[in-house]
């Protein structure tokens, strides 16, 4: 399973982009794709076109919820990786992916590499 970060989803909706090509390859290979409710919320904050939202809703009709256990993992990630205030949403997104044993697809790998030592796998 691969969880998409917000920035990856935004780029994957751009025809002929590298992210779109990766997404199509994963779909062709039968890879399960998902997105956390945290990343989904960020995506919906836009800016986005109606077409972008429709395509994303087709890909992800039910975003993975953020559970109480994810909050615990996110806090552990936050505290283990320097307590950077801007990283809280990334910690939450990573926590959901880690719980789901999913690899994380992101266009900003530097935001998520600190979590690799805490068990997050990058796609």
PDB file of N, CA and C in Angstrom:
ATOM      1  N   UNK A   1       0.840  -1.178   0.000  1.00  0.00           N
ATOM      2  CA  UNK A   1       0.000   0.000   0.000  1.00  0.00           C
ATOM      3  C   UNK A   1       0.886   1.242   0.000  1.00  0.00           C
ATOM      4  N   UNK A   2       0.417   2.248  -0.719  1.00  0.00           N
ATOM      5  CA  UNK A   2       1.123   3.522  -0.771  1.00  0.00           C
ATOM      6  C   UNK A   2       0.162   4.625  -0.351  1.00  0.00           C
ATOM      7  N   UNK A   3       0.597   5.425   0.631  1.00  0.00           N
ATOM      8  CA  UNK A   3      -0.158   6.601   1.062  1.00  0.00           C
ATOM      9  C   UNK A   3       0.428   7.821   0.374  1.00  0.00           C
ATOM     10  N   UNK A   4      -0.426   8.665  -0.147  1.00  0.00           N
ATOM     11  CA  UNK A   4       0.030   9.876  -0.817  1.00  0.00           C
ATOM     12  C   UNK A   4       0.009  11.057   0.143  1.00  0.00           C
ATOM     13  N   UNK A   5       1.063  11.836   0.085  1.00  0.00           N
ATOM     14  CA  UNK A   5       1.107  13.111   0.780  1.00  0.00           C
ATOM     15  C   UNK A   5       0.383  14.135  -0.094  1.00  0.00           C
ATOM     16  N   UNK A   6      -0.015  15.226   0.506  1.00  0.00           N
ATOM     17  CA  UNK A   6      -0.758  16.262  -0.199  1.00  0.00           C
ATOM     18  C   UNK A   6      -0.026  16.747  -1.441  1.00  0.00           C
ATOM     19  N   UNK A   7       1.245  17.088  -1.285  1.00  0.00           N
ATOM     20  CA  UNK A   7       1.983  17.655  -2.417  1.00  0.00           C
ATOM     21  C   UNK A   7       2.119  16.651  -3.556  1.00  0.00           C
ATOM     22  N   UNK A   8       2.241  15.366  -3.225  1.00  0.00           N
ATOM     23  CA  UNK A   8       2.334  14.354  -4.277  1.00  0.00           C
ATOM     24  C   UNK A   8       1.012  14.260  -5.031  1.00  0.00           C
ATOM     25  N   UNK A   9      -0.104  14.271  -4.313  1.00  0.00           N
ATOM     26  CA  UNK A   9      -1.413  14.207  -4.963  1.00  0.00           C
ATOM     27  C   UNK A   9      -1.603  15.400  -5.888  1.00  0.00           C
ATOM     28  N   UNK A  10      -1.264  16.588  -5.419  1.00  0.00           N
ATOM     29  CA  UNK A  10      -1.409  17.788  -6.250  1.00  0.00           C
ATOM     30  C   UNK A  10      -0.615  17.630  -7.540  1.00  0.00           C
ATOM     31  N   UNK A  11       0.622  17.169  -7.426  1.00  0.00           N
ATOM     32  CA  UNK A  11       1.461  17.005  -8.617  1.00  0.00           C
ATOM     33  C   UNK A  11       0.989  15.846  -9.492  1.00  0.00           C
ATOM     34  N   UNK A  12       0.438  14.809  -8.876  1.00  0.00           N
ATOM     35  CA  UNK A  12      -0.026  13.647  -9.641  1.00  0.00           C
ATOM     36  C   UNK A  12      -1.240  13.974 -10.506  1.00  0.00           C
ATOM     37  N   UNK A  13      -1.945  15.034 -10.179  1.00  0.00           N
ATOM     38  CA  UNK A  13      -3.102  15.439 -10.974  1.00  0.00           C
ATOM     39  C   UNK A  13      -2.715  16.282 -12.183  1.00  0.00           C
ATOM     40  N   UNK A  14      -1.427  16.581 -12.311  1.00  0.00           N
ATOM     41  CA  UNK A  14      -0.930  17.344 -13.463  1.00  0.00           C
ATOM     42  C   UNK A  14      -0.550  16.346 -14.563  1.00  0.00           C
ATOM     43  N   UNK A  15      -1.257  16.389 -15.696  1.00  0.00           N
ATOM     44  CA  UNK A  15      -0.944  15.447 -16.777  1.00  0.00           C
ATOM     45  C   UNK A  15       0.517  15.541 -17.209  1.00  0.00           C
ATOM     46  N   UNK A  16       1.107  14.405 -17.441  1.00  0.00           N
ATOM     47  CA  UNK A  16       2.496  14.209 -17.897  1.00  0.00           C
ATOM     48  C   UNK A  16       3.551  14.549 -16.847  1.00  0.00           C
ATOM     49  N   UNK A  17       3.152  14.818 -15.613  1.00  0.00           N
ATOM     50  CA  UNK A  17       4.144  15.069 -14.559  1.00  0.00           C
ATOM     51  C   UNK A  17       4.773  13.744 -14.125  1.00  0.00           C
ATOM     52  N   UNK A  18       5.929  13.833 -13.492  1.00  0.00           N
ATOM     53  CA  UNK A  18       6.597  12.633 -12.975  1.00  0.00           C
ATOM     54  C   UNK A  18       5.719  11.940 -11.936  1.00  0.00           C
ATOM     55  N   UNK A  19       5.045  12.726 -11.101  1.00  0.00           N
ATOM     56  CA  UNK A  19       4.168  12.146 -10.078  1.00  0.00           C
ATOM     57  C   UNK A  19       2.991  11.424 -10.729  1.00  0.00           C
ATOM     58  N   UNK A  20       2.442  11.991 -11.780  1.00  0.00           N
ATOM     59  CA  UNK A  20       1.330  11.347 -12.484  1.00  0.00           C
ATOM     60  C   UNK A  20       1.785  10.023 -13.093  1.00  0.00           C
ATOM     61  N   UNK A  21       2.992   9.996 -13.643  1.00  0.00           N
ATOM     62  CA  UNK A  21       3.531   8.758 -14.219  1.00  0.00           C
ATOM     63  C   UNK A  21       3.713   7.687 -13.145  1.00  0.00           C
ATOM     64  N   UNK A  22       4.238   8.082 -11.981  1.00  0.00           N
ATOM     65  CA  UNK A  22       4.400   7.117 -10.876  1.00  0.00           C
ATOM     66  C   UNK A  22       3.047   6.577 -10.436  1.00  0.00           C
ATOM     67  N   UNK A  23       2.070   7.473 -10.288  1.00  0.00           N
ATOM     68  CA  UNK A  23       0.739   7.066  -9.857  1.00  0.00           C
ATOM     69  C   UNK A  23       0.134   6.071 -10.850  1.00  0.00           C
ATOM     70  N   UNK A  24       0.268   6.343 -12.131  1.00  0.00           N
ATOM     71  CA  UNK A  24      -0.264   5.434 -13.153  1.00  0.00           C
ATOM     72  C   UNK A  24       0.440   4.077 -13.108  1.00  0.00           C
ATOM     73  N   UNK A  25       1.750   4.082 -12.878  1.00  0.00           N
ATOM     74  CA  UNK A  25       2.497   2.822 -12.768  1.00  0.00           C
ATOM     75  C   UNK A  25       2.004   2.020 -11.574  1.00  0.00           C
ATOM     76  N   UNK A  26       1.838   2.682 -10.435  1.00  0.00           N
ATOM     77  CA  UNK A  26       1.350   1.979  -9.248  1.00  0.00           C
ATOM     78  C   UNK A  26      -0.040   1.396  -9.493  1.00  0.00           C
ATOM     79  N   UNK A  27      -0.915   2.171 -10.117  1.00  0.00           N
ATOM     80  CA  UNK A  27      -2.259   1.675 -10.410  1.00  0.00           C
ATOM     81  C   UNK A  27      -2.196   0.472 -11.351  1.00  0.00           C
ATOM     82  N   UNK A  28      -1.365   0.570 -12.392  1.00  0.00           N
ATOM     83  CA  UNK A  28      -1.209  -0.522 -13.364  1.00  0.00           C
ATOM     84  C   UNK A  28      -0.686  -1.784 -12.684  1.00  0.00           C
ATOM     85  N   UNK A  29       0.218  -1.598 -11.719  1.00  0.00           N
ATOM     86  CA  UNK A  29       0.804  -2.726 -10.994  1.00  0.00           C
ATOM     87  C   UNK A  29      -0.119  -3.274  -9.907  1.00  0.00           C
ATOM     88  N   UNK A  30      -1.291  -2.674  -9.734  1.00  0.00           N
ATOM     89  CA  UNK A  30      -2.244  -3.141  -8.741  1.00  0.00           C
ATOM     90  C   UNK A  30      -1.923  -2.725  -7.320  1.00  0.00           C
ATOM     91  N   UNK A  31      -1.079  -1.723  -7.175  1.00  0.00           N
ATOM     92  CA  UNK A  31      -0.704  -1.229  -5.845  1.00  0.00           C
ATOM     93  C   UNK A  31      -1.910  -0.535  -5.205  1.00  0.00           C
ATOM     94  N   UNK A  32      -2.196  -0.861  -3.962  1.00  0.00           N
ATOM     95  CA  UNK A  32      -3.264  -0.175  -3.238  1.00  0.00           C
ATOM     96  C   UNK A  32      -2.805   1.242  -2.912  1.00  0.00           C
ATOM     97  N   UNK A  33      -3.668   2.218  -3.173  1.00  0.00           N
ATOM     98  CA  UNK A  33      -3.360   3.621  -2.918  1.00  0.00           C
ATOM     99  C   UNK A  33      -4.322   4.160  -1.879  1.00  0.00           C
ATOM    100  N   UNK A  34      -3.810   5.044  -1.028  1.00  0.00           N
ATOM    101  CA  UNK A  34      -4.640   5.626   0.018  1.00  0.00           C
ATOM    102  C   UNK A  34      -4.132   7.024   0.340  1.00  0.00           C
ATOM    103  N   UNK A  35      -4.946   7.735   1.097  1.00  0.00           N
ATOM    104  CA  UNK A  35      -4.567   9.059   1.586  1.00  0.00           C
ATOM    105  C   UNK A  35      -5.174   9.215   2.974  1.00  0.00           C
ATOM    106  N   UNK A  36      -4.458   9.855   3.860  1.00  0.00           N
ATOM    107  CA  UNK A  36      -4.980  10.080   5.213  1.00  0.00           C
ATOM    108  C   UNK A  36      -5.983  11.228   5.191  1.00  0.00           C
ATOM    109  N   UNK A  37      -6.854  11.249   6.168  1.00  0.00           N
ATOM    110  CA  UNK A  37      -7.811  12.354   6.272  1.00  0.00           C
ATOM    111  C   UNK A  37      -7.087  13.682   6.505  1.00  0.00           C
ATOM    112  N   UNK A  38      -5.900  13.639   7.093  1.00  0.00           N
ATOM    113  CA  UNK A  38      -5.111  14.861   7.308  1.00  0.00           C
ATOM    114  C   UNK A  38      -4.642  15.408   5.961  1.00  0.00           C
ATOM    115  N   UNK A  39      -4.036  14.561   5.135  1.00  0.00           N
ATOM    116  CA  UNK A  39      -3.577  14.993   3.808  1.00  0.00           C
ATOM    117  C   UNK A  39      -4.764  15.397   2.936  1.00  0.00           C
ATOM    118  N   UNK A  40      -5.864  14.676   3.068  1.00  0.00           N
ATOM    119  CA  UNK A  40      -7.066  15.003   2.300  1.00  0.00           C
ATOM    120  C   UNK A  40      -7.562  16.409   2.656  1.00  0.00           C
ATOM    121  N   UNK A  41      -7.572  16.731   3.927  1.00  0.00           N
ATOM    122  CA  UNK A  41      -7.988  18.064   4.371  1.00  0.00           C
ATOM    123  C   UNK A  41      -7.075  19.145   3.797  1.00  0.00           C
ATOM    124  N   UNK A  42      -5.764  18.897   3.839  1.00  0.00           N
ATOM    125  CA  UNK A  42      -4.819  19.856   3.251  1.00  0.00           C
ATOM    126  C   UNK A  42      -5.108  20.044   1.764  1.00  0.00           C
ATOM    127  N   UNK A  43      -5.354  18.941   1.062  1.00  0.00           N
ATOM    128  CA  UNK A  43      -5.641  19.003  -0.366  1.00  0.00           C
ATOM    129  C   UNK A  43      -6.885  19.846  -0.638  1.00  0.00           C
ATOM    130  N   UNK A  44      -7.937  19.622   0.135  1.00  0.00           N
ATOM    131  CA  UNK A  44      -9.191  20.341  -0.088  1.00  0.00           C
ATOM    132  C   UNK A  44      -9.083  21.836   0.202  1.00  0.00           C
ATOM    133  N   UNK A  45      -8.065  22.235   0.958  1.00  0.00           N
ATOM    134  CA  UNK A  45      -7.851  23.664   1.220  1.00  0.00           C
ATOM    135  C   UNK A  45      -7.394  24.402  -0.036  1.00  0.00           C
ATOM    136  N   UNK A  46      -6.973  23.648  -1.041  1.00  0.00           N
ATOM    137  CA  UNK A  46      -6.648  24.205  -2.350  1.00  0.00           C
ATOM    138  C   UNK A  46      -5.440  25.108  -2.377  1.00  0.00           C
ATOM    139  N   UNK A  47      -5.326  25.836  -3.453  1.00  0.00           N
ATOM    140  CA  UNK A  47      -6.338  25.988  -4.505  1.00  0.00           C
ATOM    141  C   UNK A  47      -6.418  24.744  -5.390  1.00  0.00           C
ATOM    142  N   UNK A  48      -7.633  24.432  -5.842  1.00  0.00           N
ATOM    143  CA  UNK A  48      -7.822  23.309  -6.740  1.00  0.00           C
ATOM    144  C   UNK A  48      -9.036  23.562  -7.610  1.00  0.00           C
ATOM    145  N   UNK A  49      -9.030  22.941  -8.753  1.00  0.00           N
ATOM    146  CA  UNK A  49     -10.165  23.068  -9.659  1.00  0.00           C
ATOM    147  C   UNK A  49     -11.216  22.025  -9.294  1.00  0.00           C
ATOM    148  N   UNK A  50     -12.403  22.223  -9.811  1.00  0.00           N
ATOM    149  CA  UNK A  50     -13.465  21.241  -9.600  1.00  0.00           C
ATOM    150  C   UNK A  50     -13.043  19.888 -10.178  1.00  0.00           C
ATOM    151  N   UNK A  51     -12.369  19.914 -11.325  1.00  0.00           N
ATOM    152  CA  UNK A  51     -11.886  18.683 -11.955  1.00  0.00           C
ATOM    153  C   UNK A  51     -10.867  17.966 -11.068  1.00  0.00           C
ATOM    154  N   UNK A  52      -9.943  18.731 -10.455  1.00  0.00           N
ATOM    155  CA  UNK A  52      -8.959  18.139  -9.539  1.00  0.00           C
ATOM    156  C   UNK A  52      -9.662  17.429  -8.389  1.00  0.00           C
ATOM    157  N   UNK A  53     -10.639  18.108  -7.803  1.00  0.00           N
ATOM    158  CA  UNK A  53     -11.352  17.524  -6.665  1.00  0.00           C
ATOM    159  C   UNK A  53     -12.107  16.262  -7.087  1.00  0.00           C
ATOM    160  N   UNK A  54     -12.745  16.299  -8.241  1.00  0.00           N
ATOM    161  CA  UNK A  54     -13.485  15.136  -8.736  1.00  0.00           C
ATOM    162  C   UNK A  54     -12.557  13.949  -8.973  1.00  0.00           C
ATOM    163  N   UNK A  55     -11.429  14.188  -9.641  1.00  0.00           N
ATOM    164  CA  UNK A  55     -10.465  13.107  -9.883  1.00  0.00           C
ATOM    165  C   UNK A  55      -9.945  12.523  -8.573  1.00  0.00           C
ATOM    166  N   UNK A  56      -9.627  13.389  -7.627  1.00  0.00           N
ATOM    167  CA  UNK A  56      -9.114  12.924  -6.339  1.00  0.00           C
ATOM    168  C   UNK A  56     -10.170  12.120  -5.584  1.00  0.00           C
ATOM    169  N   UNK A  57     -11.429  12.542  -5.668  1.00  0.00           N
ATOM    170  CA  UNK A  57     -12.495  11.801  -4.991  1.00  0.00           C
ATOM    171  C   UNK A  57     -12.698  10.422  -5.615  1.00  0.00           C
ATOM    172  N   UNK A  58     -12.460  10.308  -6.915  1.00  0.00           N
ATOM    173  CA  UNK A  58     -12.544   9.000  -7.573  1.00  0.00           C
ATOM    174  C   UNK A  58     -11.410   8.103  -7.075  1.00  0.00           C
ATOM    175  N   UNK A  59     -10.213   8.679  -6.956  1.00  0.00           N
ATOM    176  CA  UNK A  59      -9.061   7.911  -6.467  1.00  0.00           C
ATOM    177  C   UNK A  59      -9.220   7.513  -5.004  1.00  0.00           C
ATOM    178  N   UNK A  60      -9.752   8.436  -4.211  1.00  0.00           N
ATOM    179  CA  UNK A  60      -9.803   8.243  -2.754  1.00  0.00           C
ATOM    180  C   UNK A  60     -11.204   8.535  -2.216  1.00  0.00           C
ATOM    181  N   UNK A  61     -12.158   7.627  -2.444  1.00  0.00           N
ATOM    182  CA  UNK A  61     -13.518   7.876  -1.964  1.00  0.00           C
ATOM    183  C   UNK A  61     -13.633   7.868  -0.436  1.00  0.00           C
ATOM    184  N   UNK A  62     -12.726   7.186   0.241  1.00  0.00           N
ATOM    185  CA  UNK A  62     -12.754   7.101   1.705  1.00  0.00           C
ATOM    186  C   UNK A  62     -11.347   7.292   2.259  1.00  0.00           C
ATOM    187  N   UNK A  63     -10.938   8.525   2.526  1.00  0.00           N
ATOM    188  CA  UNK A  63      -9.608   8.729   3.123  1.00  0.00           C
ATOM    189  C   UNK A  63      -9.479   7.976   4.447  1.00  0.00           C
ATOM    190  N   UNK A  64      -8.269   7.536   4.732  1.00  0.00           N
ATOM    191  CA  UNK A  64      -7.994   6.795   5.972  1.00  0.00           C
ATOM    192  C   UNK A  64      -8.137   7.751   7.156  1.00  0.00           C
ATOM    193  N   UNK A  65      -8.958   7.408   8.148  1.00  0.00           N
ATOM    194  CA  UNK A  65      -9.170   8.315   9.282  1.00  0.00           C
ATOM    195  C   UNK A  65      -7.941   8.432  10.184  1.00  0.00           C
ATOM    196  N   UNK A  66      -7.914   9.513  10.916  1.00  0.00           N
ATOM    197  CA  UNK A  66      -6.884   9.757  11.925  1.00  0.00           C
ATOM    198  C   UNK A  66      -7.443   9.271  13.256  1.00  0.00           C
ATOM    199  N   UNK A  67      -6.842   8.219  13.805  1.00  0.00           N
ATOM    200  CA  UNK A  67      -7.330   7.581  15.028  1.00  0.00           C
ATOM    201  C   UNK A  67      -6.588   8.079  16.262  1.00  0.00           C
ATOM    202  N   UNK A  68      -7.121   7.765  17.419  1.00  0.00           N
ATOM    203  CA  UNK A  68      -6.446   8.123  18.672  1.00  0.00           C
ATOM    204  C   UNK A  68      -5.056   7.496  18.726  1.00  0.00           C
ATOM    205  N   UNK A  69      -4.925   6.275  18.224  1.00  0.00           N
ATOM    206  CA  UNK A  69      -3.602   5.634  18.213  1.00  0.00           C
ATOM    207  C   UNK A  69      -2.641   6.378  17.285  1.00  0.00           C
ATOM    208  N   UNK A  70      -3.172   6.977  16.221  1.00  0.00           N
ATOM    209  CA  UNK A  70      -2.337   7.782  15.328  1.00  0.00           C
ATOM    210  C   UNK A  70      -1.849   9.042  16.037  1.00  0.00           C
ATOM    211  N   UNK A  71      -2.689   9.601  16.894  1.00  0.00           N
ATOM    212  CA  UNK A  71      -2.289  10.788  17.656  1.00  0.00           C
ATOM    213  C   UNK A  71      -1.087  10.465  18.540  1.00  0.00           C
ATOM    214  N   UNK A  72      -1.102   9.293  19.138  1.00  0.00           N
ATOM    215  CA  UNK A  72       0.021   8.863  19.973  1.00  0.00           C
ATOM    216  C   UNK A  72       1.291   8.718  19.137  1.00  0.00           C
ATOM    217  N   UNK A  73       1.162   8.058  17.988  1.00  0.00           N
ATOM    218  CA  UNK A  73       2.322   7.884  17.102  1.00  0.00           C
ATOM    219  C   UNK A  73       2.818   9.235  16.607  1.00  0.00           C
ATOM    220  N   UNK A  74       1.901  10.122  16.225  1.00  0.00           N
ATOM    221  CA  UNK A  74       2.294  11.447  15.737  1.00  0.00           C
ATOM    222  C   UNK A  74       3.064  12.217  16.804  1.00  0.00           C
ATOM    223  N   UNK A  75       2.614  12.128  18.050  1.00  0.00           N
ATOM    224  CA  UNK A  75       3.327  12.803  19.143  1.00  0.00           C
ATOM    225  C   UNK A  75       4.722  12.212  19.324  1.00  0.00           C
ATOM    226  N   UNK A  76       4.825  10.899  19.217  1.00  0.00           N
ATOM    227  CA  UNK A  76       6.143  10.255  19.319  1.00  0.00           C
ATOM    228  C   UNK A  76       7.058  10.718  18.187  1.00  0.00           C
ATOM    229  N   UNK A  77       6.530  10.783  16.971  1.00  0.00           N
ATOM    230  CA  UNK A  77       7.322  11.258  15.832  1.00  0.00           C
ATOM    231  C   UNK A  77       7.749  12.709  16.041  1.00  0.00           C
ATOM    232  N   UNK A  78       6.821  13.525  16.497  1.00  0.00           N
ATOM    233  CA  UNK A  78       7.095  14.944  16.736  1.00  0.00           C
ATOM    234  C   UNK A  78       8.220  15.110  17.754  1.00  0.00           C
ATOM    235  N   UNK A  79       8.124  14.383  18.847  1.00  0.00           N
ATOM    236  CA  UNK A  79       9.126  14.497  19.911  1.00  0.00           C
ATOM    237  C   UNK A  79      10.463  13.867  19.534  1.00  0.00           C
ATOM    238  N   UNK A  80      10.432  12.832  18.705  1.00  0.00           N
ATOM    239  CA  UNK A  80      11.670  12.136  18.334  1.00  0.00           C
ATOM    240  C   UNK A  80      12.443  12.847  17.226  1.00  0.00           C
ATOM    241  N   UNK A  81      11.789  13.784  16.549  1.00  0.00           N
ATOM    242  CA  UNK A  81      12.430  14.396  15.377  1.00  0.00           C
ATOM    243  C   UNK A  81      12.609  15.903  15.501  1.00  0.00           C
ATOM    244  N   UNK A  82      12.698  16.402  16.716  1.00  0.00           N
ATOM    245  CA  UNK A  82      13.086  17.792  16.900  1.00  0.00           C
ATOM    246  C   UNK A  82      11.989  18.780  17.231  1.00  0.00           C
ATOM    247  N   UNK A  83      10.773  18.308  17.404  1.00  0.00           N
ATOM    248  CA  UNK A  83       9.675  19.175  17.833  1.00  0.00           C
ATOM    249  C   UNK A  83       9.529  20.422  16.956  1.00  0.00           C
ATOM    250  N   UNK A  84       9.631  20.253  15.647  1.00  0.00           N
ATOM    251  CA  UNK A  84       9.479  21.374  14.714  1.00  0.00           C
ATOM    252  C   UNK A  84       7.988  21.671  14.557  1.00  0.00           C
ATOM    253  N   UNK A  85       7.553  22.846  14.964  1.00  0.00           N
ATOM    254  CA  UNK A  85       6.123  23.155  14.994  1.00  0.00           C
ATOM    255  C   UNK A  85       5.463  23.017  13.626  1.00  0.00           C
ATOM    256  N   UNK A  86       6.185  23.325  12.570  1.00  0.00           N
ATOM    257  CA  UNK A  86       5.593  23.216  11.230  1.00  0.00           C
ATOM    258  C   UNK A  86       5.462  21.769  10.783  1.00  0.00           C
ATOM    259  N   UNK A  87       6.028  20.832  11.528  1.00  0.00           N
ATOM    260  CA  UNK A  87       6.012  19.435  11.090  1.00  0.00           C
ATOM    261  C   UNK A  87       4.853  18.626  11.669  1.00  0.00           C
ATOM    262  N   UNK A  88       3.987  19.231  12.466  1.00  0.00           N
ATOM    263  CA  UNK A  88       2.941  18.447  13.126  1.00  0.00           C
ATOM    264  C   UNK A  88       2.033  17.734  12.120  1.00  0.00           C
ATOM    265  N   UNK A  89       1.580  18.422  11.081  1.00  0.00           N
ATOM    266  CA  UNK A  89       0.724  17.761  10.087  1.00  0.00           C
ATOM    267  C   UNK A  89       1.475  16.620   9.404  1.00  0.00           C
ATOM    268  N   UNK A  90       2.760  16.829   9.117  1.00  0.00           N
ATOM    269  CA  UNK A  90       3.559  15.750   8.521  1.00  0.00           C
ATOM    270  C   UNK A  90       3.659  14.567   9.477  1.00  0.00           C
ATOM    271  N   UNK A  91       3.806  14.838  10.766  1.00  0.00           N
ATOM    272  CA  UNK A  91       3.838  13.765  11.770  1.00  0.00           C
ATOM    273  C   UNK A  91       2.522  12.991  11.761  1.00  0.00           C
ATOM    274  N   UNK A  92       1.415  13.700  11.645  1.00  0.00           N
ATOM    275  CA  UNK A  92       0.107  13.056  11.628  1.00  0.00           C
ATOM    276  C   UNK A  92      -0.075  12.204  10.372  1.00  0.00           C
ATOM    277  N   UNK A  93       0.329  12.738   9.229  1.00  0.00           N
ATOM    278  CA  UNK A  93       0.233  11.999   7.967  1.00  0.00           C
ATOM    279  C   UNK A  93       1.118  10.757   8.026  1.00  0.00           C
ATOM    280  N   UNK A  94       2.327  10.915   8.534  1.00  0.00           N
ATOM    281  CA  UNK A  94       3.257   9.787   8.657  1.00  0.00           C
ATOM    282  C   UNK A  94       2.726   8.737   9.627  1.00  0.00           C
ATOM    283  N   UNK A  95       2.084   9.171  10.699  1.00  0.00           N
ATOM    284  CA  UNK A  95       1.546   8.235  11.688  1.00  0.00           C
ATOM    285  C   UNK A  95       0.484   7.330  11.072  1.00  0.00           C
ATOM    286  N   UNK A  96      -0.391   7.907  10.264  1.00  0.00           N
ATOM    287  CA  UNK A  96      -1.432   7.103   9.616  1.00  0.00           C
ATOM    288  C   UNK A  96      -0.794   6.104   8.650  1.00  0.00           C
ATOM    289  N   UNK A  97       0.166   6.560   7.858  1.00  0.00           N
ATOM    290  CA  UNK A  97       0.849   5.657   6.925  1.00  0.00           C
ATOM    291  C   UNK A  97       1.553   4.531   7.672  1.00  0.00           C
ATOM    292  N   UNK A  98       2.194   4.874   8.775  1.00  0.00           N
ATOM    293  CA  UNK A  98       2.913   3.853   9.545  1.00  0.00           C
ATOM    294  C   UNK A  98       1.944   2.826  10.122  1.00  0.00           C
ATOM    295  N   UNK A  99       0.818   3.296  10.664  1.00  0.00           N
ATOM    296  CA  UNK A  99      -0.180   2.358  11.198  1.00  0.00           C
ATOM    297  C   UNK A  99      -0.672   1.407  10.112  1.00  0.00           C
ATOM    298  N   UNK A 100      -0.843   1.926   8.917  1.00  0.00           N
ATOM    299  CA  UNK A 100      -1.347   1.122   7.801  1.00  0.00           C
ATOM    300  C   UNK A 100      -0.256   0.288   7.135  1.00  0.00           C
ATOM    301  N   UNK A 101       0.970   0.411   7.648  1.00  0.00           N
ATOM    302  CA  UNK A 101       2.124  -0.283   7.060  1.00  0.00           C
ATOM    303  C   UNK A 101       2.267   0.061   5.574  1.00  0.00           C
ATOM    304  N   UNK A 102       2.039   1.332   5.291  1.00  0.00           N
ATOM    305  CA  UNK A 102       2.100   1.827   3.918  1.00  0.00           C
ATOM    306  C   UNK A 102       3.387   2.595   3.685  1.00  0.00           C
ATOM    307  N   UNK A 103       3.828   2.588   2.443  1.00  0.00           N
ATOM    308  CA  UNK A 103       4.932   3.455   2.047  1.00  0.00           C
ATOM    309  C   UNK A 103       4.352   4.837   1.762  1.00  0.00           C
ATOM    310  N   UNK A 104       5.143   5.863   2.005  1.00  0.00           N
ATOM    311  CA  UNK A 104       4.698   7.244   1.846  1.00  0.00           C
ATOM    312  C   UNK A 104       5.219   7.804   0.534  1.00  0.00           C
ATOM    313  N   UNK A 105       4.316   8.297  -0.309  1.00  0.00           N
ATOM    314  CA  UNK A 105       4.703   8.972  -1.551  1.00  0.00           C
ATOM    315  C   UNK A 105       4.619  10.472  -1.306  1.00  0.00           C
ATOM    316  N   UNK A 106       5.731  11.142  -1.480  1.00  0.00           N
ATOM    317  CA  UNK A 106       5.785  12.583  -1.254  1.00  0.00           C
ATOM    318  C   UNK A 106       6.716  13.226  -2.260  1.00  0.00           C
ATOM    319  N   UNK A 107       6.441  14.460  -2.577  1.00  0.00           N
ATOM    320  CA  UNK A 107       7.350  15.233  -3.429  1.00  0.00           C
ATOM    321  C   UNK A 107       8.338  16.026  -2.591  1.00  0.00           C
ATOM    322  N   UNK A 108       8.132  16.036  -1.295  1.00  0.00           N
ATOM    323  CA  UNK A 108       9.029  16.725  -0.358  1.00  0.00           C
ATOM    324  C   UNK A 108       9.634  15.698   0.591  1.00  0.00           C
ATOM    325  N   UNK A 109      10.532  14.877   0.059  1.00  0.00           N
ATOM    326  CA  UNK A 109      11.096  13.798   0.873  1.00  0.00           C
ATOM    327  C   UNK A 109      11.782  14.312   2.124  1.00  0.00           C
ATOM    328  N   UNK A 110      12.365  15.505   2.064  1.00  0.00           N
ATOM    329  CA  UNK A 110      13.064  16.030   3.243  1.00  0.00           C
ATOM    330  C   UNK A 110      12.110  16.234   4.419  1.00  0.00           C
ATOM    331  N   UNK A 111      10.812  16.407   4.141  1.00  0.00           N
ATOM    332  CA  UNK A 111       9.836  16.548   5.226  1.00  0.00           C
ATOM    333  C   UNK A 111       9.597  15.224   5.943  1.00  0.00           C
ATOM    334  N   UNK A 112       9.823  14.110   5.247  1.00  0.00           N
ATOM    335  CA  UNK A 112       9.479  12.802   5.802  1.00  0.00           C
ATOM    336  C   UNK A 112      10.678  11.925   6.124  1.00  0.00           C
ATOM    337  N   UNK A 113      11.861  12.256   5.619  1.00  0.00           N
ATOM    338  CA  UNK A 113      13.032  11.424   5.928  1.00  0.00           C
ATOM    339  C   UNK A 113      13.326  11.347   7.419  1.00  0.00           C
ATOM    340  N   UNK A 114      13.056  12.386   8.233  1.00  0.00           N
ATOM    341  CA  UNK A 114      13.309  12.228   9.670  1.00  0.00           C
ATOM    342  C   UNK A 114      12.490  11.101  10.307  1.00  0.00           C
ATOM    343  N   UNK A 115      11.382  10.734   9.689  1.00  0.00           N
ATOM    344  CA  UNK A 115      10.517   9.702  10.259  1.00  0.00           C
ATOM    345  C   UNK A 115      10.938   8.291   9.861  1.00  0.00           C
ATOM    346  N   UNK A 116      11.876   8.173   8.933  1.00  0.00           N
ATOM    347  CA  UNK A 116      12.322   6.843   8.518  1.00  0.00           C
ATOM    348  C   UNK A 116      12.959   6.082   9.677  1.00  0.00           C
ATOM    349  N   UNK A 117      13.688   6.779  10.521  1.00  0.00           N
ATOM    350  CA  UNK A 117      14.307   6.105  11.671  1.00  0.00           C
ATOM    351  C   UNK A 117      13.258   5.657  12.689  1.00  0.00           C
ATOM    352  N   UNK A 118      12.028   6.152  12.524  1.00  0.00           N
ATOM    353  CA  UNK A 118      10.928   5.787  13.415  1.00  0.00           C
ATOM    354  C   UNK A 118       9.962   4.793  12.752  1.00  0.00           C
ATOM    355  N   UNK A 119      10.392   4.211  11.626  1.00  0.00           N
ATOM    356  CA  UNK A 119       9.611   3.150  11.003  1.00  0.00           C
ATOM    357  C   UNK A 119       8.823   3.524   9.766  1.00  0.00           C
ATOM    358  N   UNK A 120       8.876   4.777   9.321  1.00  0.00           N
ATOM    359  CA  UNK A 120       8.158   5.152   8.108  1.00  0.00           C
ATOM    360  C   UNK A 120       8.956   4.716   6.885  1.00  0.00           C
ATOM    361  N   UNK A 121       8.263   4.150   5.912  1.00  0.00           N
ATOM    362  CA  UNK A 121       8.884   3.751   4.649  1.00  0.00           C
ATOM    363  C   UNK A 121       8.467   4.731   3.563  1.00  0.00           C
ATOM    364  N   UNK A 122       9.415   5.165   2.744  1.00  0.00           N
ATOM    365  CA  UNK A 122       9.102   6.056   1.630  1.00  0.00           C
ATOM    366  C   UNK A 122       8.962   5.249   0.350  1.00  0.00           C
ATOM    367  N   UNK A 123       8.052   5.688  -0.504  1.00  0.00           N
ATOM    368  CA  UNK A 123       7.824   5.008  -1.792  1.00  0.00           C
ATOM    369  C   UNK A 123       8.833   5.492  -2.818  1.00  0.00           C
TER     370      UNK A 123
END
